[in-house]
PDB file of N, CA and C in Angstrom:
ATOM      1  N   MET A   1      54.955  64.856 -12.560  1.00  0.00           N
ATOM      2  CA  MET A   1      54.288  66.104 -13.022  1.00  0.00           C
ATOM      3  C   MET A   1      53.474  66.784 -11.596  1.00  0.00           C
ATOM      4  N   LEU A   2      53.454  67.822 -11.973  1.00  0.00           N
ATOM      5  CA  LEU A   2      52.905  68.422 -10.394  1.00  0.00           C
ATOM      6  C   LEU A   2      51.768  69.045 -10.914  1.00  0.00           C
ATOM      7  N   GLY A   3      50.025  68.561  -9.964  1.00  0.00           N
ATOM      8  CA  GLY A   3      49.217  69.096 -10.500  1.00  0.00           C
ATOM      9  C   GLY A   3      47.796  68.763 -11.319  1.00  0.00           C
ATOM     10  N   GLY A   4      49.132  67.237 -12.139  1.00  0.00           N
ATOM     11  CA  GLY A   4      48.238  66.868 -13.603  1.00  0.00           C
ATOM     12  C   GLY A   4      48.393  68.401 -15.014  1.00  0.00           C
ATOM     13  N   PRO A   5      47.375  67.870 -15.554  1.00  0.00           N
ATOM     14  CA  PRO A   5      47.333  68.403 -17.287  1.00  0.00           C
ATOM     15  C   PRO A   5      47.030  69.442 -16.404  1.00  0.00           C
ATOM     16  N   GLU A   6      45.698  69.962 -16.259  1.00  0.00           N
ATOM     17  CA  GLU A   6      45.247  71.036 -15.795  1.00  0.00           C
ATOM     18  C   GLU A   6      46.024  72.101 -15.615  1.00  0.00           C
ATOM     19  N   PHE A   7      46.258  72.023 -14.413  1.00  0.00           N
ATOM     20  CA  PHE A   7      47.595  72.631 -13.313  1.00  0.00           C
ATOM     21  C   PHE A   7      48.571  73.221 -14.543  1.00  0.00           C
ATOM     22  N   ASN A   8      49.245  72.093 -15.157  1.00  0.00           N
ATOM     23  CA  ASN A   8      50.618  72.363 -16.101  1.00  0.00           C
ATOM     24  C   ASN A   8      50.214  73.269 -17.071  1.00  0.00           C
ATOM     25  N   LYS A   9      48.763  72.979 -17.459  1.00  0.00           N
ATOM     26  CA  LYS A   9      48.258  74.191 -18.319  1.00  0.00           C
ATOM     27  C   LYS A   9      47.695  75.814 -18.258  1.00  0.00           C
ATOM     28  N   LYS A  10      47.294  75.500 -17.341  1.00  0.00           N
ATOM     29  CA  LYS A  10      47.479  76.602 -16.747  1.00  0.00           C
ATOM     30  C   LYS A  10      48.741  77.767 -16.384  1.00  0.00           C
ATOM     31  N   TRP A  11      49.407  76.842 -15.386  1.00  0.00           N
ATOM     32  CA  TRP A  11      50.455  77.604 -15.055  1.00  0.00           C
ATOM     33  C   TRP A  11      51.724  77.792 -16.203  1.00  0.00           C
ATOM     34  N   GLN A  12      51.499  77.329 -16.941  1.00  0.00           N
ATOM     35  CA  GLN A  12      52.953  77.114 -17.995  1.00  0.00           C
ATOM     36  C   GLN A  12      53.787  78.112 -17.959  1.00  0.00           C
ATOM     37  N   GLY A  13      53.281  79.469 -18.050  1.00  0.00           N
ATOM     38  CA  GLY A  13      54.533  80.442 -18.249  1.00  0.00           C
ATOM     39  C   GLY A  13      54.724  81.008 -17.259  1.00  0.00           C
ATOM     40  N   ILE A  14      54.687  80.639 -15.941  1.00  0.00           N
ATOM     41  CA  ILE A  14      54.749  81.229 -14.742  1.00  0.00           C
ATOM     42  C   ILE A  14      56.681  81.014 -14.646  1.00  0.00           C
ATOM     43  N   ARG A  15      57.078  82.126 -13.933  1.00  0.00           N
ATOM     44  CA  ARG A  15      58.855  81.913 -14.135  1.00  0.00           C
ATOM     45  C   ARG A  15      59.160  83.076 -12.581  1.00  0.00           C
ATOM     46  N   ILE A  16      60.300  82.945 -12.381  1.00  0.00           N
ATOM     47  CA  ILE A  16      60.503  83.267 -11.082  1.00  0.00           C
ATOM     48  C   ILE A  16      61.563  84.240 -11.741  1.00  0.00           C
ATOM     49  N   HIS A  17      61.817  85.322 -11.190  1.00  0.00           N
ATOM     50  CA  HIS A  17      62.432  86.456 -11.955  1.00  0.00           C
ATOM     51  C   HIS A  17      62.898  88.136 -10.975  1.00  0.00           C
ATOM     52  N   ALA A  18      63.767  88.471 -11.200  1.00  0.00           N
ATOM     53  CA  ALA A  18      63.875  89.782 -10.420  1.00  0.00           C
ATOM     54  C   ALA A  18      63.085  90.227 -11.011  1.00  0.00           C
ATOM     55  N   GLY A  19      62.204  92.022 -10.259  1.00  0.00           N
ATOM     56  CA  GLY A  19      61.421  92.722 -10.206  1.00  0.00           C
ATOM     57  C   GLY A  19      60.978  93.449  -8.846  1.00  0.00           C
ATOM     58  N   ASN A  20      60.642  94.497  -8.923  1.00  0.00           N
ATOM     59  CA  ASN A  20      60.244  95.508  -7.657  1.00  0.00           C
ATOM     60  C   ASN A  20      58.862  95.421  -7.428  1.00  0.00           C
ATOM     61  N   THR A  21      57.979  95.763  -8.501  1.00  0.00           N
ATOM     62  CA  THR A  21      56.677  95.789  -8.315  1.00  0.00           C
ATOM     63  C   THR A  21      56.077  94.838  -9.057  1.00  0.00           C
ATOM     64  N   ALA A  22      54.558  95.025  -8.824  1.00  0.00           N
ATOM     65  CA  ALA A  22      53.429  94.751  -9.564  1.00  0.00           C
ATOM     66  C   ALA A  22      53.384  94.979 -11.493  1.00  0.00           C
ATOM     67  N   LYS A  23      54.002  95.876 -11.470  1.00  0.00           N
ATOM     68  CA  LYS A  23      54.098  96.447 -12.511  1.00  0.00           C
ATOM     69  C   LYS A  23      55.381  95.432 -13.459  1.00  0.00           C
ATOM     70  N   ASP A  24      55.844  94.901 -12.709  1.00  0.00           N
ATOM     71  CA  ASP A  24      57.254  94.147 -13.171  1.00  0.00           C
ATOM     72  C   ASP A  24      57.197  92.501 -13.597  1.00  0.00           C
ATOM     73  N   THR A  25      55.698  92.576 -13.481  1.00  0.00           N
ATOM     74  CA  THR A  25      55.134  90.776 -13.165  1.00  0.00           C
ATOM     75  C   THR A  25      54.286  90.263 -13.589  1.00  0.00           C
ATOM     76  N   GLN A  26      53.640  89.493 -14.792  1.00  0.00           N
ATOM     77  CA  GLN A  26      52.188  89.117 -15.378  1.00  0.00           C
ATOM     78  C   GLN A  26      51.864  87.781 -14.476  1.00  0.00           C
ATOM     79  N   GLY A  27      51.988  87.784 -13.128  1.00  0.00           N
ATOM     80  CA  GLY A  27      51.850  86.641 -12.279  1.00  0.00           C
ATOM     81  C   GLY A  27      52.850  85.831 -11.757  1.00  0.00           C
ATOM     82  N   CYS A  28      53.915  86.123 -12.268  1.00  0.00           N
ATOM     83  CA  CYS A  28      55.180  85.597 -12.043  1.00  0.00           C
ATOM     84  C   CYS A  28      55.286  85.602 -10.668  1.00  0.00           C
ATOM     85  N   ILE A  29      56.633  85.033 -10.375  1.00  0.00           N
ATOM     86  CA  ILE A  29      57.259  85.358  -8.837  1.00  0.00           C
ATOM     87  C   ILE A  29      58.391  85.849  -8.609  1.00  0.00           C
ATOM     88  N   LEU A  30      58.108  86.985  -7.894  1.00  0.00           N
ATOM     89  CA  LEU A  30      59.651  87.931  -7.733  1.00  0.00           C
ATOM     90  C   LEU A  30      59.501  87.806  -6.242  1.00  0.00           C
ATOM     91  N   VAL A  31      61.126  87.608  -6.407  1.00  0.00           N
ATOM     92  CA  VAL A  31      61.692  87.091  -5.385  1.00  0.00           C
ATOM     93  C   VAL A  31      62.648  88.480  -4.240  1.00  0.00           C
ATOM     94  N   GLY A  32      62.664  88.200  -3.224  1.00  0.00           N
ATOM     95  CA  GLY A  32      63.135  89.443  -2.342  1.00  0.00           C
ATOM     96  C   GLY A  32      62.948  90.219  -0.994  1.00  0.00           C
ATOM     97  N   GLU A  33      63.236  91.253  -0.403  1.00  0.00           N
ATOM     98  CA  GLU A  33      62.762  91.548   0.670  1.00  0.00           C
ATOM     99  C   GLU A  33      61.520  91.794   0.489  1.00  0.00           C
ATOM    100  N   ASN A  34      60.548  91.060   1.202  1.00  0.00           N
ATOM    101  CA  ASN A  34      59.223  92.236   1.521  1.00  0.00           C
ATOM    102  C   ASN A  34      59.269  93.311   2.715  1.00  0.00           C
ATOM    103  N   LYS A  35      59.877  94.184   3.001  1.00  0.00           N
ATOM    104  CA  LYS A  35      60.084  94.992   4.223  1.00  0.00           C
ATOM    105  C   LYS A  35      59.277  96.523   3.972  1.00  0.00           C
ATOM    106  N   GLU A  36      58.717  96.692   2.378  1.00  0.00           N
ATOM    107  CA  GLU A  36      57.862  97.996   2.082  1.00  0.00           C
ATOM    108  C   GLU A  36      56.775  97.419   1.273  1.00  0.00           C
ATOM    109  N   VAL A  37      55.322  97.899   1.934  1.00  0.00           N
ATOM    110  CA  VAL A  37      54.416  97.442   1.327  1.00  0.00           C
ATOM    111  C   VAL A  37      54.164  98.199  -0.502  1.00  0.00           C
ATOM    112  N   GLY A  38      53.837  96.962  -0.906  1.00  0.00           N
ATOM    113  CA  GLY A  38      53.796  96.921  -2.476  1.00  0.00           C
ATOM    114  C   GLY A  38      54.895  97.019  -3.572  1.00  0.00           C
ATOM    115  N   LYS A  39      56.149  96.287  -2.339  1.00  0.00           N
ATOM    116  CA  LYS A  39      57.793  96.516  -3.539  1.00  0.00           C
ATOM    117  C   LYS A  39      58.682  95.412  -3.148  1.00  0.00           C
ATOM    118  N   VAL A  40      59.063  94.593  -3.552  1.00  0.00           N
ATOM    119  CA  VAL A  40      59.581  93.825  -3.387  1.00  0.00           C
ATOM    120  C   VAL A  40      61.698  94.104  -3.690  1.00  0.00           C
ATOM    121  N   LEU A  41      62.311  94.155  -2.319  1.00  0.00           N
ATOM    122  CA  LEU A  41      63.680  94.825  -2.418  1.00  0.00           C
ATOM    123  C   LEU A  41      64.388  93.983  -2.816  1.00  0.00           C
ATOM    124  N   ASN A  42      65.148  94.494  -3.233  1.00  0.00           N
ATOM    125  CA  ASN A  42      67.171  93.237  -3.460  1.00  0.00           C
ATOM    126  C   ASN A  42      66.272  92.128  -4.176  1.00  0.00           C
ATOM    127  N   SER A  43      65.874  92.555  -5.046  1.00  0.00           N
ATOM    128  CA  SER A  43      65.132  91.330  -5.648  1.00  0.00           C
ATOM    129  C   SER A  43      66.161  90.617  -6.529  1.00  0.00           C
ATOM    130  N   ARG A  44      67.100  91.531  -7.313  1.00  0.00           N
ATOM    131  CA  ARG A  44      68.704  91.149  -8.544  1.00  0.00           C
ATOM    132  C   ARG A  44      69.592  90.102  -7.055  1.00  0.00           C
ATOM    133  N   LYS A  45      69.513  90.396  -5.769  1.00  0.00           N
ATOM    134  CA  LYS A  45      70.427  90.051  -5.242  1.00  0.00           C
ATOM    135  C   LYS A  45      69.954  88.354  -4.743  1.00  0.00           C
ATOM    136  N   TRP A  46      69.096  88.679  -4.183  1.00  0.00           N
ATOM    137  CA  TRP A  46      67.733  87.265  -3.860  1.00  0.00           C
ATOM    138  C   TRP A  46      67.768  86.186  -5.036  1.00  0.00           C
ATOM    139  N   LEU A  47      67.746  87.151  -6.329  1.00  0.00           N
ATOM    140  CA  LEU A  47      67.125  86.258  -7.373  1.00  0.00           C
ATOM    141  C   LEU A  47      69.279  85.493  -7.543  1.00  0.00           C
ATOM    142  N   TYR A  48      70.175  85.976  -7.148  1.00  0.00           N
ATOM    143  CA  TYR A  48      70.990  85.052  -7.545  1.00  0.00           C
ATOM    144  C   TYR A  48      71.704  84.119  -6.656  1.00  0.00           C
ATOM    145  N   GLU A  49      70.752  84.672  -5.199  1.00  0.00           N
ATOM    146  CA  GLU A  49      71.053  83.665  -4.016  1.00  0.00           C
ATOM    147  C   GLU A  49      70.833  82.807  -4.694  1.00  0.00           C
ATOM    148  N   LEU A  50      69.086  82.536  -5.206  1.00  0.00           N
ATOM    149  CA  LEU A  50      68.229  81.503  -5.315  1.00  0.00           C
ATOM    150  C   LEU A  50      68.742  80.280  -6.120  1.00  0.00           C
ATOM    151  N   LYS A  51      69.432  81.277  -7.346  1.00  0.00           N
ATOM    152  CA  LYS A  51      70.095  80.276  -8.626  1.00  0.00           C
ATOM    153  C   LYS A  51      71.177  79.686  -8.223  1.00  0.00           C
ATOM    154  N   HIS A  52      71.991  80.390  -7.150  1.00  0.00           N
ATOM    155  CA  HIS A  52      72.810  80.102  -7.104  1.00  0.00           C
ATOM    156  C   HIS A  52      73.058  78.620  -6.255  1.00  0.00           C
ATOM    157  N   ARG A  53      72.157  79.151  -4.933  1.00  0.00           N
ATOM    158  CA  ARG A  53      71.627  77.801  -4.354  1.00  0.00           C
ATOM    159  C   ARG A  53      71.411  76.141  -4.879  1.00  0.00           C
ATOM    160  N   ILE A  54      70.178  76.888  -5.836  1.00  0.00           N
ATOM    161  CA  ILE A  54      69.595  75.378  -6.833  1.00  0.00           C
ATOM    162  C   ILE A  54      70.631  74.916  -7.510  1.00  0.00           C
ATOM    163  N   VAL A  55      72.065  75.977  -8.063  1.00  0.00           N
ATOM    164  CA  VAL A  55      72.822  75.040  -9.215  1.00  0.00           C
ATOM    165  C   VAL A  55      73.682  74.329  -8.137  1.00  0.00           C
ATOM    166  N   GLU A  56      74.060  74.642  -6.439  1.00  0.00           N
ATOM    167  CA  GLU A  56      75.010  73.830  -5.781  1.00  0.00           C
ATOM    168  C   GLU A  56      74.189  72.698  -5.190  1.00  0.00           C
ATOM    169  N   ALA A  57      72.594  72.636  -4.729  1.00  0.00           N
ATOM    170  CA  ALA A  57      71.990  71.605  -4.680  1.00  0.00           C
ATOM    171  C   ALA A  57      71.937  70.545  -5.989  1.00  0.00           C
ATOM    172  N   LYS A  58      72.000  70.951  -7.069  1.00  0.00           N
ATOM    173  CA  LYS A  58      71.903  70.412  -8.100  1.00  0.00           C
ATOM    174  C   LYS A  58      73.086  69.271  -8.833  1.00  0.00           C
ATOM    175  N   ASP A  59      74.117  70.655  -8.537  1.00  0.00           N
ATOM    176  CA  ASP A  59      75.750  69.905  -8.436  1.00  0.00           C
ATOM    177  C   ASP A  59      75.784  68.803  -7.343  1.00  0.00           C
ATOM    178  N   ARG A  60      75.169  68.351  -6.413  1.00  0.00           N
ATOM    179  CA  ARG A  60      75.384  67.677  -5.267  1.00  0.00           C
ATOM    180  C   ARG A  60      74.030  66.188  -5.430  1.00  0.00           C
ATOM    181  N   GLY A  61      73.511  66.623  -6.588  1.00  0.00           N
ATOM    182  CA  GLY A  61      72.674  65.404  -7.113  1.00  0.00           C
ATOM    183  C   GLY A  61      71.372  65.587  -6.413  1.00  0.00           C
ATOM    184  N   GLU A  62      71.245  66.389  -5.813  1.00  0.00           N
ATOM    185  CA  GLU A  62      69.523  66.761  -4.549  1.00  0.00           C
ATOM    186  C   GLU A  62      68.987  67.249  -5.584  1.00  0.00           C
ATOM    187  N   ALA A  63      67.785  66.994  -5.232  1.00  0.00           N
ATOM    188  CA  ALA A  63      66.334  67.123  -5.895  1.00  0.00           C
ATOM    189  C   ALA A  63      66.041  68.752  -5.333  1.00  0.00           C
ATOM    190  N   VAL A  64      65.074  69.480  -6.203  1.00  0.00           N
ATOM    191  CA  VAL A  64      65.615  70.905  -5.593  1.00  0.00           C
ATOM    192  C   VAL A  64      63.861  71.099  -5.992  1.00  0.00           C
ATOM    193  N   TRP A  65      63.208  71.058  -4.576  1.00  0.00           N
ATOM    194  CA  TRP A  65      61.717  71.648  -4.279  1.00  0.00           C
ATOM    195  C   TRP A  65      61.061  73.524  -3.737  1.00  0.00           C
ATOM    196  N   LEU A  66      60.556  73.880  -4.565  1.00  0.00           N
ATOM    197  CA  LEU A  66      60.474  74.802  -4.022  1.00  0.00           C
ATOM    198  C   LEU A  66      58.706  75.291  -3.369  1.00  0.00           C
ATOM    199  N   THR A  67      58.452  76.028  -2.210  1.00  0.00           N
ATOM    200  CA  THR A  67      57.341  75.826  -1.661  1.00  0.00           C
ATOM    201  C   THR A  67      56.883  77.001  -1.626  1.00  0.00           C
ATOM    202  N   ILE A  68      56.025  77.865  -2.231  1.00  0.00           N
ATOM    203  CA  ILE A  68      55.603  79.193  -2.414  1.00  0.00           C
ATOM    204  C   ILE A  68      54.426  79.543  -1.555  1.00  0.00           C
ATOM    205  N   ARG A  69      55.009  80.617  -0.513  1.00  0.00           N
ATOM    206  CA  ARG A  69      53.744  80.652   0.386  1.00  0.00           C
ATOM    207  C   ARG A  69      53.509  81.810   0.327  1.00  0.00           C
TER     208      ARG A  69
END
């Protein structure tokens, strides 16, 4: 359990998904390219790539950890 019960209660609705601006999220993580201020570019492409890499790792029996910076 990451962070304990209070952490999990506070962040239970956080998701990773495609989107291009703050209007596309309510605190969730948008993946993509950070090349323009206030925008996330090519988010669908990078979401697909992220999911693909996670599935490949899981298929190999590897643990998957994401570090959000």
